[in-house]
Amino acid sequence: MKQRLYQKFVKLFSRQNNVTDYLINQAGIVRKINDDIETQVFCWSEVTIIEVCKLDFFSYDEVALQFTTPEGCFEILEKHTAFEQLKIFLPEQYNVPLTWFSTVVENPFEYNYALLYQKNAE
């Protein structure tokens, strides 16, 4: 699973898309497109898994969050506005440890992965 996630994130950096940013609202994550059109990506209640991954590119690190919902997987990178907001929001909404970010950025020059949240089967 870690290798699959790693490959996904590597592929993410090589593709071009029109998304300029991701933002948080009360319902969930919205995507802001180049022409300032905002569309709802997913709602907080739909999230089943949250994973985090740090990729080391030697000259810089990139941390990415992946949210899994019934509709698919969505990645939020450090460059997105929502990422900084999620550092505070995740512990409040999903009972993720406050130290999740500092834990994943430890160990320079290494790939780091953590499962932050998994919805219990009901």
PDB file of N, CA and C in Angstrom:
ATOM      1  N   MET A   1       0.829  -1.194   0.000  1.00  0.00           N
ATOM      2  CA  MET A   1       0.000   0.000   0.000  1.00  0.00           C
ATOM      3  C   MET A   1       0.870   1.253   0.000  1.00  0.00           C
ATOM      4  N   LYS A   2       1.967   1.239   0.778  1.00  0.00           N
ATOM      5  CA  LYS A   2       2.844   2.394   0.822  1.00  0.00           C
ATOM      6  C   LYS A   2       3.454   2.661  -0.555  1.00  0.00           C
ATOM      7  N   GLN A   3       3.883   1.612  -1.231  1.00  0.00           N
ATOM      8  CA  GLN A   3       4.485   1.762  -2.546  1.00  0.00           C
ATOM      9  C   GLN A   3       3.485   2.335  -3.546  1.00  0.00           C
ATOM     10  N   ARG A   4       2.244   1.885  -3.474  1.00  0.00           N
ATOM     11  CA  ARG A   4       1.197   2.378  -4.368  1.00  0.00           C
ATOM     12  C   ARG A   4       0.955   3.869  -4.134  1.00  0.00           C
ATOM     13  N   LEU A   5       0.902   4.278  -2.866  1.00  0.00           N
ATOM     14  CA  LEU A   5       0.705   5.678  -2.522  1.00  0.00           C
ATOM     15  C   LEU A   5       1.889   6.513  -2.990  1.00  0.00           C
ATOM     16  N   TYR A   6       3.088   5.973  -2.803  1.00  0.00           N
ATOM     17  CA  TYR A   6       4.298   6.671  -3.233  1.00  0.00           C
ATOM     18  C   TYR A   6       4.250   6.910  -4.744  1.00  0.00           C
ATOM     19  N   GLN A   7       3.881   5.900  -5.516  1.00  0.00           N
ATOM     20  CA  GLN A   7       3.804   6.026  -6.966  1.00  0.00           C
ATOM     21  C   GLN A   7       2.762   7.049  -7.384  1.00  0.00           C
ATOM     22  N   LYS A   8       1.658   7.099  -6.651  1.00  0.00           N
ATOM     23  CA  LYS A   8       0.609   8.079  -6.933  1.00  0.00           C
ATOM     24  C   LYS A   8       1.119   9.498  -6.769  1.00  0.00           C
ATOM     25  N   PHE A   9       1.849   9.731  -5.669  1.00  0.00           N
ATOM     26  CA  PHE A   9       2.352  11.070  -5.400  1.00  0.00           C
ATOM     27  C   PHE A   9       3.435  11.470  -6.404  1.00  0.00           C
ATOM     28  N   VAL A  10       4.279  10.553  -6.793  1.00  0.00           N
ATOM     29  CA  VAL A  10       5.287  10.852  -7.802  1.00  0.00           C
ATOM     30  C   VAL A  10       4.610  11.226  -9.113  1.00  0.00           C
ATOM     31  N   LYS A  11       3.574  10.488  -9.488  1.00  0.00           N
ATOM     32  CA  LYS A  11       2.828  10.780 -10.704  1.00  0.00           C
ATOM     33  C   LYS A  11       2.142  12.144 -10.610  1.00  0.00           C
ATOM     34  N   LEU A  12       1.677  12.493  -9.423  1.00  0.00           N
ATOM     35  CA  LEU A  12       0.998  13.760  -9.202  1.00  0.00           C
ATOM     36  C   LEU A  12       1.891  14.940  -9.572  1.00  0.00           C
ATOM     37  N   PHE A  13       3.180  14.854  -9.264  1.00  0.00           N
ATOM     38  CA  PHE A  13       4.083  15.961  -9.525  1.00  0.00           C
ATOM     39  C   PHE A  13       4.427  16.100 -11.002  1.00  0.00           C
ATOM     40  N   SER A  14       4.172  15.089 -11.787  1.00  0.00           N
ATOM     41  CA  SER A  14       4.535  15.138 -13.194  1.00  0.00           C
ATOM     42  C   SER A  14       3.370  15.544 -14.091  1.00  0.00           C
ATOM     43  N   ARG A  15       2.173  15.678 -13.571  1.00  0.00           N
ATOM     44  CA  ARG A  15       1.038  16.022 -14.428  1.00  0.00           C
ATOM     45  C   ARG A  15       0.700  17.509 -14.330  1.00  0.00           C
ATOM     46  N   GLN A  16       0.117  17.999 -15.362  1.00  0.00           N
ATOM     47  CA  GLN A  16      -0.335  19.386 -15.416  1.00  0.00           C
ATOM     48  C   GLN A  16      -1.848  19.397 -15.268  1.00  0.00           C
ATOM     49  N   ASN A  17      -2.351  20.337 -14.516  1.00  0.00           N
ATOM     50  CA  ASN A  17      -3.797  20.462 -14.407  1.00  0.00           C
ATOM     51  C   ASN A  17      -4.183  21.920 -14.205  1.00  0.00           C
ATOM     52  N   ASN A  18      -5.469  22.201 -14.248  1.00  0.00           N
ATOM     53  CA  ASN A  18      -5.953  23.571 -14.134  1.00  0.00           C
ATOM     54  C   ASN A  18      -6.248  23.992 -12.704  1.00  0.00           C
ATOM     55  N   VAL A  19      -6.085  23.106 -11.760  1.00  0.00           N
ATOM     56  CA  VAL A  19      -6.397  23.435 -10.372  1.00  0.00           C
ATOM     57  C   VAL A  19      -5.341  24.391  -9.840  1.00  0.00           C
ATOM     58  N   THR A  20      -5.786  25.493  -9.301  1.00  0.00           N
ATOM     59  CA  THR A  20      -4.840  26.440  -8.736  1.00  0.00           C
ATOM     60  C   THR A  20      -4.746  26.302  -7.229  1.00  0.00           C
ATOM     61  N   ASP A  21      -5.823  25.860  -6.598  1.00  0.00           N
ATOM     62  CA  ASP A  21      -5.785  25.775  -5.145  1.00  0.00           C
ATOM     63  C   ASP A  21      -6.924  24.913  -4.608  1.00  0.00           C
ATOM     64  N   TYR A  22      -6.732  24.432  -3.390  1.00  0.00           N
ATOM     65  CA  TYR A  22      -7.781  23.770  -2.630  1.00  0.00           C
ATOM     66  C   TYR A  22      -8.011  24.598  -1.372  1.00  0.00           C
ATOM     67  N   LEU A  23      -9.264  24.730  -0.978  1.00  0.00           N
ATOM     68  CA  LEU A  23      -9.646  25.513   0.190  1.00  0.00           C
ATOM     69  C   LEU A  23     -10.571  24.687   1.070  1.00  0.00           C
ATOM     70  N   ILE A  24     -10.669  25.081   2.326  1.00  0.00           N
ATOM     71  CA  ILE A  24     -11.572  24.431   3.280  1.00  0.00           C
ATOM     72  C   ILE A  24     -12.821  25.288   3.433  1.00  0.00           C
ATOM     73  N   ASN A  25     -13.968  24.625   3.520  1.00  0.00           N
ATOM     74  CA  ASN A  25     -15.171  25.312   3.959  1.00  0.00           C
ATOM     75  C   ASN A  25     -15.846  24.427   5.015  1.00  0.00           C
ATOM     76  N   GLN A  26     -16.979  24.839   5.523  1.00  0.00           N
ATOM     77  CA  GLN A  26     -17.631  24.069   6.593  1.00  0.00           C
ATOM     78  C   GLN A  26     -18.008  22.670   6.160  1.00  0.00           C
ATOM     79  N   ALA A  27     -18.337  22.496   4.894  1.00  0.00           N
ATOM     80  CA  ALA A  27     -18.795  21.198   4.402  1.00  0.00           C
ATOM     81  C   ALA A  27     -17.652  20.262   4.060  1.00  0.00           C
ATOM     82  N   GLY A  28     -16.516  20.821   3.624  1.00  0.00           N
ATOM     83  CA  GLY A  28     -15.400  19.973   3.213  1.00  0.00           C
ATOM     84  C   GLY A  28     -14.341  20.744   2.457  1.00  0.00           C
ATOM     85  N   ILE A  29     -13.830  20.128   1.396  1.00  0.00           N
ATOM     86  CA  ILE A  29     -12.779  20.727   0.576  1.00  0.00           C
ATOM     87  C   ILE A  29     -13.386  21.210  -0.735  1.00  0.00           C
ATOM     88  N   VAL A  30     -13.015  22.421  -1.136  1.00  0.00           N
ATOM     89  CA  VAL A  30     -13.429  22.951  -2.428  1.00  0.00           C
ATOM     90  C   VAL A  30     -12.204  23.195  -3.296  1.00  0.00           C
ATOM     91  N   ARG A  31     -12.403  23.116  -4.589  1.00  0.00           N
ATOM     92  CA  ARG A  31     -11.337  23.341  -5.567  1.00  0.00           C
ATOM     93  C   ARG A  31     -11.576  24.690  -6.209  1.00  0.00           C
ATOM     94  N   LYS A  32     -10.541  25.509  -6.250  1.00  0.00           N
ATOM     95  CA  LYS A  32     -10.638  26.806  -6.922  1.00  0.00           C
ATOM     96  C   LYS A  32      -9.901  26.694  -8.248  1.00  0.00           C
ATOM     97  N   ILE A  33     -10.649  26.826  -9.335  1.00  0.00           N
ATOM     98  CA  ILE A  33     -10.091  26.702 -10.681  1.00  0.00           C
ATOM     99  C   ILE A  33      -9.548  28.061 -11.131  1.00  0.00           C
ATOM    100  N   ASN A  34      -8.727  28.050 -12.149  1.00  0.00           N
ATOM    101  CA  ASN A  34      -8.075  29.276 -12.645  1.00  0.00           C
ATOM    102  C   ASN A  34      -9.019  30.452 -12.811  1.00  0.00           C
ATOM    103  N   ASP A  35     -10.221  30.222 -13.279  1.00  0.00           N
ATOM    104  CA  ASP A  35     -11.159  31.323 -13.485  1.00  0.00           C
ATOM    105  C   ASP A  35     -12.005  31.612 -12.242  1.00  0.00           C
ATOM    106  N   ASP A  36     -11.494  31.219 -11.083  1.00  0.00           N
ATOM    107  CA  ASP A  36     -12.116  31.508  -9.785  1.00  0.00           C
ATOM    108  C   ASP A  36     -13.434  30.794  -9.542  1.00  0.00           C
ATOM    109  N   ILE A  37     -13.726  29.750 -10.281  1.00  0.00           N
ATOM    110  CA  ILE A  37     -14.915  28.943 -10.024  1.00  0.00           C
ATOM    111  C   ILE A  37     -14.572  27.947  -8.923  1.00  0.00           C
ATOM    112  N   GLU A  38     -15.369  27.929  -7.868  1.00  0.00           N
ATOM    113  CA  GLU A  38     -15.142  26.987  -6.777  1.00  0.00           C
ATOM    114  C   GLU A  38     -16.150  25.854  -6.865  1.00  0.00           C
ATOM    115  N   THR A  39     -15.666  24.625  -6.752  1.00  0.00           N
ATOM    116  CA  THR A  39     -16.534  23.458  -6.769  1.00  0.00           C
ATOM    117  C   THR A  39     -16.210  22.575  -5.575  1.00  0.00           C
ATOM    118  N   GLN A  40     -17.240  22.011  -4.984  1.00  0.00           N
ATOM    119  CA  GLN A  40     -17.065  21.113  -3.846  1.00  0.00           C
ATOM    120  C   GLN A  40     -16.389  19.831  -4.319  1.00  0.00           C
ATOM    121  N   VAL A  41     -15.301  19.441  -3.667  1.00  0.00           N
ATOM    122  CA  VAL A  41     -14.581  18.221  -4.034  1.00  0.00           C
ATOM    123  C   VAL A  41     -15.121  17.049  -3.234  1.00  0.00           C
ATOM    124  N   PHE A  42     -15.171  17.212  -1.907  1.00  0.00           N
ATOM    125  CA  PHE A  42     -15.754  16.189  -1.046  1.00  0.00           C
ATOM    126  C   PHE A  42     -16.191  16.815   0.263  1.00  0.00           C
ATOM    127  N   CYS A  43     -17.075  16.126   0.962  1.00  0.00           N
ATOM    128  CA  CYS A  43     -17.568  16.574   2.266  1.00  0.00           C
ATOM    129  C   CYS A  43     -16.843  15.816   3.369  1.00  0.00           C
ATOM    130  N   TRP A  44     -16.713  16.448   4.526  1.00  0.00           N
ATOM    131  CA  TRP A  44     -16.019  15.822   5.657  1.00  0.00           C
ATOM    132  C   TRP A  44     -16.648  14.488   6.029  1.00  0.00           C
ATOM    133  N   SER A  45     -17.959  14.396   5.963  1.00  0.00           N
ATOM    134  CA  SER A  45     -18.642  13.161   6.364  1.00  0.00           C
ATOM    135  C   SER A  45     -18.366  11.998   5.411  1.00  0.00           C
ATOM    136  N   GLU A  46     -17.891  12.274   4.208  1.00  0.00           N
ATOM    137  CA  GLU A  46     -17.613  11.228   3.221  1.00  0.00           C
ATOM    138  C   GLU A  46     -16.234  10.589   3.386  1.00  0.00           C
ATOM    139  N   VAL A  47     -15.360  11.217   4.150  1.00  0.00           N
ATOM    140  CA  VAL A  47     -13.972  10.744   4.266  1.00  0.00           C
ATOM    141  C   VAL A  47     -13.928   9.418   5.020  1.00  0.00           C
ATOM    142  N   THR A  48     -13.288   8.425   4.405  1.00  0.00           N
ATOM    143  CA  THR A  48     -13.131   7.110   5.041  1.00  0.00           C
ATOM    144  C   THR A  48     -11.697   6.849   5.489  1.00  0.00           C
ATOM    145  N   ILE A  49     -10.729   7.420   4.781  1.00  0.00           N
ATOM    146  CA  ILE A  49      -9.312   7.230   5.120  1.00  0.00           C
ATOM    147  C   ILE A  49      -8.571   8.536   4.874  1.00  0.00           C
ATOM    148  N   ILE A  50      -7.630   8.859   5.787  1.00  0.00           N
ATOM    149  CA  ILE A  50      -6.721   9.983   5.581  1.00  0.00           C
ATOM    150  C   ILE A  50      -5.304   9.444   5.756  1.00  0.00           C
ATOM    151  N   GLU A  51      -4.480   9.654   4.725  1.00  0.00           N
ATOM    152  CA  GLU A  51      -3.088   9.223   4.768  1.00  0.00           C
ATOM    153  C   GLU A  51      -2.196  10.431   4.507  1.00  0.00           C
ATOM    154  N   VAL A  52      -0.969  10.364   5.015  1.00  0.00           N
ATOM    155  CA  VAL A  52      -0.004  11.426   4.769  1.00  0.00           C
ATOM    156  C   VAL A  52       1.306  10.788   4.332  1.00  0.00           C
ATOM    157  N   CYS A  53       1.990  11.484   3.445  1.00  0.00           N
ATOM    158  CA  CYS A  53       3.219  10.952   2.874  1.00  0.00           C
ATOM    159  C   CYS A  53       4.201  12.104   2.697  1.00  0.00           C
ATOM    160  N   LYS A  54       5.475  11.861   3.055  1.00  0.00           N
ATOM    161  CA  LYS A  54       6.525  12.835   2.776  1.00  0.00           C
ATOM    162  C   LYS A  54       7.468  12.239   1.750  1.00  0.00           C
ATOM    163  N   LEU A  55       7.643  12.952   0.645  1.00  0.00           N
ATOM    164  CA  LEU A  55       8.579  12.545  -0.386  1.00  0.00           C
ATOM    165  C   LEU A  55       9.807  13.429  -0.296  1.00  0.00           C
ATOM    166  N   ASP A  56      10.968  12.841  -0.383  1.00  0.00           N
ATOM    167  CA  ASP A  56      12.208  13.598  -0.331  1.00  0.00           C
ATOM    168  C   ASP A  56      12.780  13.704  -1.731  1.00  0.00           C
ATOM    169  N   PHE A  57      12.906  14.926  -2.212  1.00  0.00           N
ATOM    170  CA  PHE A  57      13.470  15.166  -3.535  1.00  0.00           C
ATOM    171  C   PHE A  57      14.891  15.727  -3.428  1.00  0.00           C
ATOM    172  N   PHE A  58      15.551  15.471  -2.318  1.00  0.00           N
ATOM    173  CA  PHE A  58      16.921  15.872  -2.012  1.00  0.00           C
ATOM    174  C   PHE A  58      17.072  17.379  -1.836  1.00  0.00           C
ATOM    175  N   SER A  59      16.566  18.179  -2.732  1.00  0.00           N
ATOM    176  CA  SER A  59      16.678  19.624  -2.557  1.00  0.00           C
ATOM    177  C   SER A  59      15.501  20.198  -1.765  1.00  0.00           C
ATOM    178  N   TYR A  60      14.401  19.442  -1.707  1.00  0.00           N
ATOM    179  CA  TYR A  60      13.255  19.851  -0.902  1.00  0.00           C
ATOM    180  C   TYR A  60      12.396  18.628  -0.614  1.00  0.00           C
ATOM    181  N   ASP A  61      11.542  18.763   0.393  1.00  0.00           N
ATOM    182  CA  ASP A  61      10.585  17.714   0.738  1.00  0.00           C
ATOM    183  C   ASP A  61       9.195  18.177   0.331  1.00  0.00           C
ATOM    184  N   GLU A  62       8.343  17.228   0.031  1.00  0.00           N
ATOM    185  CA  GLU A  62       6.944  17.537  -0.265  1.00  0.00           C
ATOM    186  C   GLU A  62       6.066  16.633   0.585  1.00  0.00           C
ATOM    187  N   VAL A  63       5.185  17.247   1.363  1.00  0.00           N
ATOM    188  CA  VAL A  63       4.248  16.485   2.179  1.00  0.00           C
ATOM    189  C   VAL A  63       2.885  16.566   1.499  1.00  0.00           C
ATOM    190  N   ALA A  64       2.225  15.422   1.413  1.00  0.00           N
ATOM    191  CA  ALA A  64       0.923  15.362   0.755  1.00  0.00           C
ATOM    192  C   ALA A  64      -0.057  14.573   1.616  1.00  0.00           C
ATOM    193  N   LEU A  65      -1.268  15.063   1.695  1.00  0.00           N
ATOM    194  CA  LEU A  65      -2.365  14.360   2.366  1.00  0.00           C
ATOM    195  C   LEU A  65      -3.237  13.726   1.299  1.00  0.00           C
ATOM    196  N   GLN A  66      -3.676  12.518   1.554  1.00  0.00           N
ATOM    197  CA  GLN A  66      -4.611  11.864   0.629  1.00  0.00           C
ATOM    198  C   GLN A  66      -5.881  11.531   1.397  1.00  0.00           C
ATOM    199  N   PHE A  67      -6.998  12.018   0.883  1.00  0.00           N
ATOM    200  CA  PHE A  67      -8.312  11.744   1.455  1.00  0.00           C
ATOM    201  C   PHE A  67      -9.008  10.736   0.564  1.00  0.00           C
ATOM    202  N   THR A  68      -9.485   9.649   1.146  1.00  0.00           N
ATOM    203  CA  THR A  68     -10.231   8.647   0.395  1.00  0.00           C
ATOM    204  C   THR A  68     -11.703   8.760   0.759  1.00  0.00           C
ATOM    205  N   THR A  69     -12.534   8.814  -0.279  1.00  0.00           N
ATOM    206  CA  THR A  69     -13.981   8.870  -0.107  1.00  0.00           C
ATOM    207  C   THR A  69     -14.578   7.822  -1.045  1.00  0.00           C
ATOM    208  N   PRO A  70     -15.872   7.561  -0.954  1.00  0.00           N
ATOM    209  CA  PRO A  70     -16.493   6.633  -1.912  1.00  0.00           C
ATOM    210  C   PRO A  70     -16.346   7.095  -3.370  1.00  0.00           C
ATOM    211  N   GLU A  71     -16.145   8.383  -3.580  1.00  0.00           N
ATOM    212  CA  GLU A  71     -16.004   8.938  -4.930  1.00  0.00           C
ATOM    213  C   GLU A  71     -14.591   8.833  -5.484  1.00  0.00           C
ATOM    214  N   GLY A  72     -13.593   8.535  -4.620  1.00  0.00           N
ATOM    215  CA  GLY A  72     -12.213   8.442  -5.095  1.00  0.00           C
ATOM    216  C   GLY A  72     -11.237   9.005  -4.084  1.00  0.00           C
ATOM    217  N   CYS A  73      -9.995   9.192  -4.538  1.00  0.00           N
ATOM    218  CA  CYS A  73      -8.919   9.719  -3.693  1.00  0.00           C
ATOM    219  C   CYS A  73      -8.566  11.129  -4.146  1.00  0.00           C
ATOM    220  N   PHE A  74      -8.288  11.991  -3.163  1.00  0.00           N
ATOM    221  CA  PHE A  74      -7.985  13.392  -3.436  1.00  0.00           C
ATOM    222  C   PHE A  74      -6.738  13.784  -2.655  1.00  0.00           C
ATOM    223  N   GLU A  75      -5.766  14.392  -3.349  1.00  0.00           N
ATOM    224  CA  GLU A  75      -4.515  14.779  -2.725  1.00  0.00           C
ATOM    225  C   GLU A  75      -4.476  16.274  -2.468  1.00  0.00           C
ATOM    226  N   ILE A  76      -4.007  16.635  -1.282  1.00  0.00           N
ATOM    227  CA  ILE A  76      -3.787  18.027  -0.916  1.00  0.00           C
ATOM    228  C   ILE A  76      -2.301  18.153  -0.615  1.00  0.00           C
ATOM    229  N   LEU A  77      -1.626  19.069  -1.312  1.00  0.00           N
ATOM    230  CA  LEU A  77      -0.190  19.262  -1.148  1.00  0.00           C
ATOM    231  C   LEU A  77       0.094  20.465  -0.260  1.00  0.00           C
ATOM    232  N   GLU A  78       1.332  20.563   0.209  1.00  0.00           N
ATOM    233  CA  GLU A  78       1.728  21.683   1.063  1.00  0.00           C
ATOM    234  C   GLU A  78       1.505  23.037   0.408  1.00  0.00           C
ATOM    235  N   LYS A  79       1.598  23.108  -0.908  1.00  0.00           N
ATOM    236  CA  LYS A  79       1.437  24.384  -1.605  1.00  0.00           C
ATOM    237  C   LYS A  79      -0.008  24.886  -1.615  1.00  0.00           C
ATOM    238  N   HIS A  80      -0.975  24.017  -1.311  1.00  0.00           N
ATOM    239  CA  HIS A  80      -2.376  24.414  -1.312  1.00  0.00           C
ATOM    240  C   HIS A  80      -2.739  25.145  -0.018  1.00  0.00           C
ATOM    241  N   THR A  81      -3.600  26.114  -0.127  1.00  0.00           N
ATOM    242  CA  THR A  81      -4.055  26.891   1.034  1.00  0.00           C
ATOM    243  C   THR A  81      -4.655  25.986   2.110  1.00  0.00           C
ATOM    244  N   ALA A  82      -5.386  24.978   1.689  1.00  0.00           N
ATOM    245  CA  ALA A  82      -6.058  24.088   2.646  1.00  0.00           C
ATOM    246  C   ALA A  82      -5.069  23.334   3.532  1.00  0.00           C
ATOM    247  N   PHE A  83      -3.848  23.100   3.059  1.00  0.00           N
ATOM    248  CA  PHE A  83      -2.900  22.295   3.819  1.00  0.00           C
ATOM    249  C   PHE A  83      -2.615  22.899   5.195  1.00  0.00           C
ATOM    250  N   GLU A  84      -2.300  24.176   5.249  1.00  0.00           N
ATOM    251  CA  GLU A  84      -2.021  24.834   6.532  1.00  0.00           C
ATOM    252  C   GLU A  84      -3.246  24.788   7.454  1.00  0.00           C
ATOM    253  N   GLN A  85      -4.419  24.980   6.878  1.00  0.00           N
ATOM    254  CA  GLN A  85      -5.645  24.921   7.665  1.00  0.00           C
ATOM    255  C   GLN A  85      -5.873  23.511   8.199  1.00  0.00           C
ATOM    256  N   LEU A  86      -5.505  22.501   7.418  1.00  0.00           N
ATOM    257  CA  LEU A  86      -5.705  21.105   7.826  1.00  0.00           C
ATOM    258  C   LEU A  86      -4.795  20.698   8.982  1.00  0.00           C
ATOM    259  N   LYS A  87      -3.674  21.365   9.148  1.00  0.00           N
ATOM    260  CA  LYS A  87      -2.794  21.064  10.286  1.00  0.00           C
ATOM    261  C   LYS A  87      -3.547  21.226  11.608  1.00  0.00           C
ATOM    262  N   ILE A  88      -4.428  22.192  11.654  1.00  0.00           N
ATOM    263  CA  ILE A  88      -5.216  22.458  12.862  1.00  0.00           C
ATOM    264  C   ILE A  88      -6.545  21.706  12.816  1.00  0.00           C
ATOM    265  N   PHE A  89      -7.143  21.657  11.639  1.00  0.00           N
ATOM    266  CA  PHE A  89      -8.476  21.091  11.485  1.00  0.00           C
ATOM    267  C   PHE A  89      -8.517  19.579  11.708  1.00  0.00           C
ATOM    268  N   LEU A  90      -7.551  18.837  11.206  1.00  0.00           N
ATOM    269  CA  LEU A  90      -7.582  17.370  11.319  1.00  0.00           C
ATOM    270  C   LEU A  90      -7.654  16.873  12.761  1.00  0.00           C
ATOM    271  N   PRO A  91      -6.835  17.420  13.667  1.00  0.00           N
ATOM    272  CA  PRO A  91      -6.967  16.966  15.063  1.00  0.00           C
ATOM    273  C   PRO A  91      -8.342  17.253  15.665  1.00  0.00           C
ATOM    274  N   GLU A  92      -8.955  18.350  15.268  1.00  0.00           N
ATOM    275  CA  GLU A  92     -10.277  18.704  15.795  1.00  0.00           C
ATOM    276  C   GLU A  92     -11.386  17.823  15.208  1.00  0.00           C
ATOM    277  N   GLN A  93     -11.348  17.603  13.906  1.00  0.00           N
ATOM    278  CA  GLN A  93     -12.421  16.892  13.206  1.00  0.00           C
ATOM    279  C   GLN A  93     -12.305  15.374  13.296  1.00  0.00           C
ATOM    280  N   TYR A  94     -11.076  14.860  13.206  1.00  0.00           N
ATOM    281  CA  TYR A  94     -10.884  13.417  13.093  1.00  0.00           C
ATOM    282  C   TYR A  94     -10.062  12.799  14.219  1.00  0.00           C
ATOM    283  N   ASN A  95      -9.776  13.568  15.265  1.00  0.00           N
ATOM    284  CA  ASN A  95      -9.019  13.067  16.408  1.00  0.00           C
ATOM    285  C   ASN A  95      -7.624  12.566  15.995  1.00  0.00           C
ATOM    286  N   VAL A  96      -7.024  13.232  15.044  1.00  0.00           N
ATOM    287  CA  VAL A  96      -5.660  12.946  14.597  1.00  0.00           C
ATOM    288  C   VAL A  96      -4.708  13.589  15.615  1.00  0.00           C
ATOM    289  N   PRO A  97      -3.590  12.942  15.966  1.00  0.00           N
ATOM    290  CA  PRO A  97      -2.654  13.547  16.928  1.00  0.00           C
ATOM    291  C   PRO A  97      -2.176  14.925  16.453  1.00  0.00           C
ATOM    292  N   LEU A  98      -2.016  15.850  17.385  1.00  0.00           N
ATOM    293  CA  LEU A  98      -1.545  17.198  17.050  1.00  0.00           C
ATOM    294  C   LEU A  98      -0.164  17.178  16.405  1.00  0.00           C
ATOM    295  N   THR A  99       0.597  16.141  16.668  1.00  0.00           N
ATOM    296  CA  THR A  99       1.975  16.052  16.176  1.00  0.00           C
ATOM    297  C   THR A  99       2.088  15.374  14.813  1.00  0.00           C
ATOM    298  N   TRP A 100       0.984  15.162  14.109  1.00  0.00           N
ATOM    299  CA  TRP A 100       1.031  14.404  12.861  1.00  0.00           C
ATOM    300  C   TRP A 100       2.001  14.998  11.850  1.00  0.00           C
ATOM    301  N   PHE A 101       2.042  16.322  11.728  1.00  0.00           N
ATOM    302  CA  PHE A 101       2.905  16.929  10.718  1.00  0.00           C
ATOM    303  C   PHE A 101       4.377  16.804  11.111  1.00  0.00           C
ATOM    304  N   SER A 102       4.706  17.131  12.337  1.00  0.00           N
ATOM    305  CA  SER A 102       6.113  17.049  12.757  1.00  0.00           C
ATOM    306  C   SER A 102       6.628  15.617  12.711  1.00  0.00           C
ATOM    307  N   THR A 103       5.755  14.651  12.968  1.00  0.00           N
ATOM    308  CA  THR A 103       6.155  13.243  12.911  1.00  0.00           C
ATOM    309  C   THR A 103       6.494  12.823  11.488  1.00  0.00           C
ATOM    310  N   VAL A 104       5.703  13.261  10.536  1.00  0.00           N
ATOM    311  CA  VAL A 104       5.924  12.827   9.150  1.00  0.00           C
ATOM    312  C   VAL A 104       7.124  13.530   8.505  1.00  0.00           C
ATOM    313  N   VAL A 105       7.480  14.718   8.958  1.00  0.00           N
ATOM    314  CA  VAL A 105       8.624  15.411   8.358  1.00  0.00           C
ATOM    315  C   VAL A 105       9.953  15.030   9.006  1.00  0.00           C
ATOM    316  N   GLU A 106       9.909  14.240  10.069  1.00  0.00           N
ATOM    317  CA  GLU A 106      11.151  13.754  10.680  1.00  0.00           C
ATOM    318  C   GLU A 106      11.923  12.890   9.686  1.00  0.00           C
ATOM    319  N   ASN A 107      13.144  12.594  10.038  1.00  0.00           N
ATOM    320  CA  ASN A 107      14.012  11.713   9.246  1.00  0.00           C
ATOM    321  C   ASN A 107      14.235  12.244   7.829  1.00  0.00           C
ATOM    322  N   PRO A 108      15.141  13.200   7.691  1.00  0.00           N
ATOM    323  CA  PRO A 108      15.434  13.723   6.362  1.00  0.00           C
ATOM    324  C   PRO A 108      15.949  12.637   5.428  1.00  0.00           C
ATOM    325  N   PHE A 109      15.724  12.844   4.147  1.00  0.00           N
ATOM    326  CA  PHE A 109      16.167  11.933   3.084  1.00  0.00           C
ATOM    327  C   PHE A 109      15.505  10.568   3.165  1.00  0.00           C
ATOM    328  N   GLU A 110      14.330  10.528   3.767  1.00  0.00           N
ATOM    329  CA  GLU A 110      13.576   9.276   3.838  1.00  0.00           C
ATOM    330  C   GLU A 110      12.136   9.512   3.413  1.00  0.00           C
ATOM    331  N   TYR A 111      11.547   8.466   2.881  1.00  0.00           N
ATOM    332  CA  TYR A 111      10.126   8.450   2.569  1.00  0.00           C
ATOM    333  C   TYR A 111       9.391   8.146   3.872  1.00  0.00           C
ATOM    334  N   ASN A 112       8.437   8.978   4.242  1.00  0.00           N
ATOM    335  CA  ASN A 112       7.650   8.752   5.448  1.00  0.00           C
ATOM    336  C   ASN A 112       6.171   8.655   5.088  1.00  0.00           C
ATOM    337  N   TYR A 113       5.492   7.749   5.766  1.00  0.00           N
ATOM    338  CA  TYR A 113       4.074   7.506   5.507  1.00  0.00           C
ATOM    339  C   TYR A 113       3.385   7.258   6.842  1.00  0.00           C
ATOM    340  N   ALA A 114       2.151   7.734   6.943  1.00  0.00           N
ATOM    341  CA  ALA A 114       1.344   7.431   8.132  1.00  0.00           C
ATOM    342  C   ALA A 114      -0.132   7.403   7.759  1.00  0.00           C
ATOM    343  N   LEU A 115      -0.839   6.476   8.359  1.00  0.00           N
ATOM    344  CA  LEU A 115      -2.296   6.432   8.255  1.00  0.00           C
ATOM    345  C   LEU A 115      -2.811   7.263   9.411  1.00  0.00           C
ATOM    346  N   LEU A 116      -3.483   8.367   9.102  1.00  0.00           N
ATOM    347  CA  LEU A 116      -3.948   9.282  10.142  1.00  0.00           C
ATOM    348  C   LEU A 116      -5.344   8.968  10.631  1.00  0.00           C
ATOM    349  N   TYR A 117      -6.181   8.444   9.742  1.00  0.00           N
ATOM    350  CA  TYR A 117      -7.577   8.205  10.111  1.00  0.00           C
ATOM    351  C   TYR A 117      -8.144   7.101   9.225  1.00  0.00           C
ATOM    352  N   GLN A 118      -8.928   6.241   9.846  1.00  0.00           N
ATOM    353  CA  GLN A 118      -9.698   5.251   9.095  1.00  0.00           C
ATOM    354  C   GLN A 118     -11.058   5.114   9.757  1.00  0.00           C
ATOM    355  N   LYS A 119     -12.083   5.352   8.979  1.00  0.00           N
ATOM    356  CA  LYS A 119     -13.450   5.316   9.490  1.00  0.00           C
ATOM    357  C   LYS A 119     -13.797   3.881   9.897  1.00  0.00           C
ATOM    358  N   ASN A 120     -14.369   3.725  11.061  1.00  0.00           N
ATOM    359  CA  ASN A 120     -14.792   2.415  11.523  1.00  0.00           C
ATOM    360  C   ASN A 120     -15.990   1.933  10.717  1.00  0.00           C
ATOM    361  N   ALA A 121     -15.980   0.664  10.416  1.00  0.00           N
ATOM    362  CA  ALA A 121     -17.126   0.059   9.710  1.00  0.00           C
ATOM    363  C   ALA A 121     -18.337   0.092  10.639  1.00  0.00           C
ATOM    364  N   GLU A 122     -19.448   0.521  10.112  1.00  0.00           N
ATOM    365  CA  GLU A 122     -20.654   0.628  10.965  1.00  0.00           C
ATOM    366  C   GLU A 122     -21.642  -0.443  10.650  1.00  0.00           C
TER     367      GLU A 122
END
